[in-house]
Protein backbone atom coordinates (compact mmCIF):
# COMPACT_ATOMS: atom_id res chain seq x y z
CA MET A 1 -9.09 -41.25 2.63
CA ASP A 2 -6.30 -39.43 3.12
CA GLU A 3 -5.48 -38.02 6.93
CA LEU A 4 -6.38 -34.60 8.03
CA SER A 5 -3.96 -32.60 9.14
CA LEU A 6 -6.27 -29.55 11.25
CA PRO A 7 -4.67 -26.70 13.30
CA PRO A 8 -4.85 -27.26 17.39
CA LEU A 9 -8.32 -26.74 18.66
CA PRO A 10 -8.39 -23.52 21.45
CA GLY A 11 -10.39 -25.54 24.47
CA TYR A 12 -13.81 -23.82 25.93
CA GLU A 13 -13.09 -21.83 28.50
CA ARG A 14 -15.04 -22.43 31.70
CA GLU A 15 -16.98 -19.32 30.69
CA GLY A 16 -18.48 -21.27 27.87
CA GLN A 17 -16.61 -18.74 25.70
CA ARG A 18 -16.14 -20.33 22.34
CA GLN A 19 -11.78 -19.39 20.80
CA TYR A 20 -12.55 -20.75 17.16
CA GLN A 21 -14.31 -18.67 14.96
CA LEU A 22 -12.33 -16.47 13.51
CA THR A 23 -8.98 -18.42 13.47
CA LEU A 24 -9.43 -20.26 11.00
CA ARG A 25 -11.34 -18.50 8.88
CA GLY A 26 -10.00 -16.37 5.62
CA ASN A 27 -8.80 -19.30 3.23
CA SER A 28 -11.48 -20.23 0.41
CA LEU A 29 -11.65 -19.41 -2.03
CA ASN A 30 -15.43 -20.22 -1.69
CA PRO A 31 -16.66 -17.68 1.02
CA MET A 32 -19.94 -20.46 1.85
CA ILE A 33 -17.00 -22.92 2.84
CA ASP A 34 -15.32 -19.93 4.74
CA ALA A 35 -18.07 -19.22 6.96
CA ALA A 36 -18.26 -23.22 7.70
CA THR A 37 -14.89 -24.04 8.11
CA PRO A 38 -14.65 -23.46 12.34
CA LEU A 39 -17.62 -26.32 12.50
CA LEU A 40 -16.10 -28.45 10.03
CA GLY A 41 -12.53 -28.20 11.91
CA MET A 42 -13.98 -28.46 15.22
CA VAL A 43 -16.11 -31.69 13.75
CA MET A 44 -13.10 -33.08 13.00
CA ARG A 45 -11.57 -32.16 16.30
CA VAL A 46 -14.10 -33.06 18.55
CA SER A 47 -14.60 -36.72 16.91
CA GLY A 48 -10.97 -37.78 18.38
CA MET A 49 -11.89 -37.07 21.87
CA ASN A 50 -13.71 -39.83 24.24
CA SER A 51 -16.84 -38.79 25.69
CA HIS A 52 -14.69 -37.87 29.27
CA ALA A 53 -13.31 -34.92 27.50
CA MET A 54 -15.98 -33.79 25.47
CA PRO A 55 -16.57 -29.77 26.41
CA GLU A 56 -20.08 -29.42 28.78
CA HIS A 57 -22.55 -27.60 26.47
CA LEU A 58 -21.31 -28.77 23.04
CA PHE A 59 -24.60 -28.94 21.82
CA THR A 60 -26.00 -24.82 22.85
CA GLN A 61 -22.81 -23.79 21.72
CA VAL A 62 -22.48 -25.14 18.04
CA VAL A 63 -26.47 -24.21 18.10
CA THR A 64 -25.50 -20.62 18.69
CA ASP A 65 -22.66 -21.14 16.44
CA VAL A 66 -24.68 -21.97 12.93
CA GLN A 67 -26.74 -19.36 13.83
CA ALA A 68 -23.77 -17.35 13.36
CA VAL A 69 -22.37 -18.55 10.19
CA GLU A 70 -26.61 -18.07 8.60
CA GLN A 71 -26.10 -14.91 9.83
CA LEU A 72 -22.89 -14.22 7.85
CA LEU A 73 -24.24 -16.01 4.53
CA GLN A 74 -27.07 -13.12 5.38
CA GLU A 75 -24.61 -10.62 5.21
CA GLN A 76 -22.58 -12.84 2.25
CA GLY A 77 -25.95 -11.77 -0.21
CA TYR A 78 -26.91 -15.38 -0.13
CA GLU A 79 -30.63 -16.68 -1.27
CA PRO A 80 -33.03 -17.26 1.90
CA GLY A 81 -33.75 -20.61 0.37
CA VAL A 82 -29.88 -21.61 -0.60
CA ILE A 83 -29.01 -20.55 3.28
CA ILE A 84 -31.79 -22.61 4.44
CA SER A 85 -30.52 -25.43 2.16
CA PHE A 86 -26.89 -24.92 3.87
CA ARG A 87 -28.71 -25.25 7.14
CA TYR A 88 -30.01 -28.06 6.62
CA ILE A 89 -26.71 -29.82 5.14
CA LEU A 90 -24.25 -28.26 8.59
CA CYS A 91 -26.73 -29.52 10.50
CA THR A 92 -26.77 -33.46 9.03
CA PHE A 93 -23.17 -33.59 8.66
CA ILE A 94 -22.86 -32.82 12.24
CA ASP A 95 -25.57 -34.99 13.40
CA GLU A 96 -24.16 -37.52 11.22
CA ALA A 97 -20.70 -36.87 13.28
CA ALA A 98 -22.76 -36.88 16.05
CA LEU A 99 -24.08 -40.26 16.50
CA GLY A 100 -20.91 -41.61 14.86
CA ASN A 101 -18.61 -40.53 17.61
CA GLY A 102 -20.79 -40.68 21.35
CA TRP A 103 -20.65 -37.30 21.30
CA SER A 104 -24.69 -38.00 22.26
CA ASN A 105 -23.26 -39.64 25.69
CA LYS A 106 -21.53 -36.35 27.58
CA ASN A 107 -24.09 -33.20 25.66
CA GLU A 108 -27.60 -32.76 24.56
CA TRP A 109 -27.61 -34.41 21.03
CA ILE A 110 -29.10 -37.78 23.65
CA LYS A 111 -31.98 -35.60 23.79
CA GLN A 112 -32.48 -33.89 20.61
CA SER A 113 -29.86 -33.61 17.02
CA LEU A 114 -29.74 -30.19 15.85
CA LEU A 115 -31.80 -30.67 12.10
CA VAL A 116 -34.75 -31.28 15.51
CA HIS A 117 -33.92 -28.43 16.29
CA PHE A 118 -32.91 -26.39 13.57
CA HIS A 119 -35.64 -28.32 11.46
CA ASN A 120 -37.94 -29.95 13.13
CA GLU A 121 -36.65 -33.28 11.39
CA ALA A 122 -35.22 -36.32 12.98
CA TRP A 123 -32.91 -37.45 9.98
CA GLY A 124 -31.70 -35.70 7.04
CA GLY A 125 -29.37 -38.67 5.30
CA GLU A 126 -31.71 -39.54 2.59
CA LYS A 127 -33.11 -35.66 1.95
CA VAL A 128 -29.32 -34.81 1.17
CA PHE A 129 -29.56 -36.51 -1.60
CA ILE A 130 -32.51 -35.73 -2.96
CA LEU A 131 -31.48 -32.15 -1.99
CA LEU A 132 -28.14 -32.72 -4.31
CA GLU A 133 -29.86 -33.94 -6.97
CA ARG A 134 -32.14 -30.35 -7.31
CA LEU A 135 -29.14 -28.76 -6.63
CA MET A 136 -27.25 -30.33 -10.38
CA ARG A 137 -30.03 -29.83 -12.23
CA GLU A 138 -28.60 -25.29 -11.93
CA PRO A 139 -25.18 -26.38 -10.93
CA LYS A 140 -23.94 -22.16 -11.76
CA ARG A 141 -26.59 -20.84 -9.38
CA TYR A 142 -25.12 -22.75 -6.62
CA GLN A 143 -22.00 -23.51 -7.18
CA ASP A 144 -20.39 -22.65 -3.75
CA LEU A 145 -22.83 -24.80 -2.10
CA LEU A 146 -22.71 -28.42 -3.76
CA GLU A 147 -18.67 -27.49 -3.40
CA PHE A 148 -20.27 -27.65 0.61
CA LEU A 149 -21.59 -30.81 0.08
CA TYR A 150 -18.24 -31.95 -1.70
CA ILE A 151 -16.43 -30.94 1.15
CA CYS A 152 -19.20 -32.52 3.50
CA PHE A 153 -19.20 -35.98 0.95
CA SER A 154 -14.56 -36.06 1.94
CA LEU A 155 -14.68 -35.36 5.26
CA GLY A 156 -16.15 -38.38 5.64
CA PHE A 157 -20.37 -37.83 5.45
CA ARG A 158 -22.44 -40.59 4.31
CA GLY A 159 -25.67 -39.41 4.93
CA ARG A 160 -28.18 -42.28 3.55
CA TYR A 161 -25.08 -44.77 2.84
CA LYS A 162 -23.85 -44.47 6.49
CA VAL A 163 -24.90 -48.26 6.65
CA ALA A 164 -25.64 -49.20 4.03
CA ALA A 165 -22.10 -51.00 3.21
CA GLN A 166 -23.53 -52.36 -0.37
CA ASP A 167 -24.29 -49.21 -1.92
CA GLN A 168 -20.69 -47.52 -0.87
CA GLY A 169 -20.81 -47.55 -5.23
CA GLU A 170 -23.21 -46.08 -5.88
CA PHE A 171 -22.10 -43.33 -3.33
CA GLU A 172 -18.87 -43.22 -5.17
CA GLN A 173 -20.83 -42.49 -8.37
CA ILE A 174 -22.40 -39.97 -6.70
CA TYR A 175 -18.88 -38.64 -5.19
CA ARG A 176 -17.17 -38.52 -8.82
CA ARG A 177 -20.41 -37.27 -10.80
CA LEU A 178 -20.01 -34.07 -8.11
CA TYR A 179 -16.90 -33.77 -8.44
CA HIS A 180 -16.52 -33.57 -12.16
CA VAL A 181 -19.46 -31.24 -12.20
CA LEU A 182 -18.25 -28.88 -10.51
CA HIS A 183 -14.56 -29.12 -12.06
CA LYS A 184 -16.07 -28.25 -15.35
CA LEU A 185 -17.21 -25.26 -13.92
CA ARG A 186 -14.14 -23.90 -12.34
CA GLY A 187 -11.84 -25.37 -14.81
CA ASP A 188 -8.48 -25.20 -14.25
CA ALA A 189 -9.34 -22.83 -11.27
CA PRO A 190 -7.95 -24.60 -7.95
CA PHE A 191 -10.99 -26.40 -5.87
CA PRO A 192 -11.20 -24.23 -2.53
CA LEU A 193 -10.33 -27.61 -0.49
CA LEU A 194 -9.64 -25.91 2.03
CA HIS A 195 -5.46 -25.29 1.13
CA GLN A 196 -5.32 -22.34 -0.78
CA ASP A 197 -2.02 -20.68 1.39
CA LYS A 198 -2.74 -17.22 1.77
CA LYS A 199 0.48 -15.76 3.23
CA THR A 200 -0.21 -12.76 4.67
CA GLN A 201 -2.42 -14.70 7.05
CA GLY A 202 -1.49 -16.38 9.86
CA GLY A 203 -3.02 -19.91 11.29
CA ARG A 204 -3.50 -21.52 7.96
CA TYR A 205 -6.13 -24.33 7.82
CA GLN A 206 -5.51 -27.13 5.76
CA LEU A 207 -6.73 -30.59 4.53
CA ILE A 208 -2.79 -32.49 3.79
CA LYS A 209 -1.63 -35.20 4.25
CA ARG A 210 0.15 -35.44 7.39
CA LEU A 211 3.89 -37.13 8.28
CA THR A 212 2.45 -40.02 10.58
CA ILE A 213 4.92 -42.55 12.14
CA ARG A 214 3.46 -45.24 10.03
CA HIS A 215 5.35 -42.76 6.87
CA VAL A 216 8.33 -42.00 8.65
CA LEU A 217 8.54 -46.26 9.02
CA CYS A 218 8.11 -46.69 6.19
CA GLY A 219 10.71 -43.51 4.98
CA GLY A 220 13.30 -45.83 7.14
CA ILE A 221 12.65 -48.94 5.59
CA VAL A 222 13.33 -47.51 1.92
CA VAL A 223 16.45 -45.67 3.17
CA LEU A 224 17.62 -49.56 4.37
CA ALA A 225 16.37 -51.10 1.77
CA LEU A 226 18.34 -48.95 -0.59
CA PHE A 227 21.27 -49.26 1.62
CA TYR A 228 21.30 -52.86 1.12
CA LEU A 229 21.07 -52.80 -2.02
CA PHE A 230 23.97 -50.93 -2.69
CA TYR A 231 25.45 -53.41 -0.60
CA LEU A 232 25.06 -56.10 -2.42
CA LEU A 233 26.69 -54.89 -5.60
CA ARG A 234 29.43 -54.02 -3.97
CA LEU A 235 29.57 -56.96 -2.11
CA ASP A 236 28.81 -58.77 -5.76
CA SER A 237 31.61 -56.38 -7.27
CA GLN A 238 34.05 -57.17 -4.58
CA THR A 239 33.27 -61.12 -4.85
CA GLN A 240 33.73 -61.18 -8.55
CA ASP A 241 37.15 -59.51 -8.48
CA ILE A 242 38.29 -62.45 -6.08
CA LEU A 243 36.77 -65.20 -8.18
CA HIS A 244 38.77 -63.49 -11.10
CA GLN A 245 41.87 -63.35 -9.19
CA LEU A 246 41.23 -67.11 -7.61
CA ASN A 247 40.55 -67.97 -11.38
CA ARG A 248 43.89 -66.79 -12.55
CA LEU A 249 46.49 -68.48 -9.43
CA LEU A 250 44.36 -72.04 -10.65
CA ALA A 251 44.90 -71.70 -14.29
CA ARG A 252 48.66 -70.53 -13.67
C-alpha cells in the first residue's frame, strides 16, 4: 500500500464538539463514499495516535457521526437495505481499526463495539465477505456500496483475512475481482478513490503518495549516482587523452 496523505484532522474540542465533518466532504464521485469520508479520514488519522493522545469519548462521538452519515444517505435516497449494509461494513471496518490500534485501551470500545451497538453482533469480518458475494450478483444496483467496500479494502480492512496470513492470496483474488467488476461498470470514467481535484472546493482530501524522508534520500542517491557516473566518464576521457599523449611520446 502506498502511504496516505491526509489533511490535518482538527482536534476534538473540550466541549466534545466535532470539527471534521464538513471540511473533508465534497470531493468524491460516489455520494456514499463522500458521506463517509470524514469517518474514513478520522480512522486514518487516529490510527497513528498512541493511547494517551486518544480523544476522550471517541466511541460516543463516532456513534453520533455514523448516525449522521446514515441520515445523510437517507436524504440521498438510498434503499433502506443498502444503508443498513453500508452501516454494517463501516462499523466492521472502524471496529477492526480500533481493536488493531489499541483504541479500546482508552475508550468505550473495551466495553462494546460499533457492530454491537448498531447490529447487536460481536464480529462482522465473516459476514462482510458473504455480503460482498451477494452484492456482486447485482453490481450495477449496488455499485456505490461496492465502491465503498473497495475503499475500505484499500485502506487496510481485511475482515476474516486479518489474522489468516496463509489466506492472503485468497483475499488478493477477491480484491482484484472486485476491482475488475467496478472497472467494467465505470469503463474509462474516473474511479472515486478520494482524489478528485475540484479547484472550486478547498481542503482537498487526497489519497496520494506522500513525499517522505526515504523518497528524498532515494532521490538524493540517484542524483549523486548520476553525478558520479558523469565524473567517471569525464575522468575516463581525460585518462585516455593522457595515455594517448604518453604513447606518442614513447613512440618517438
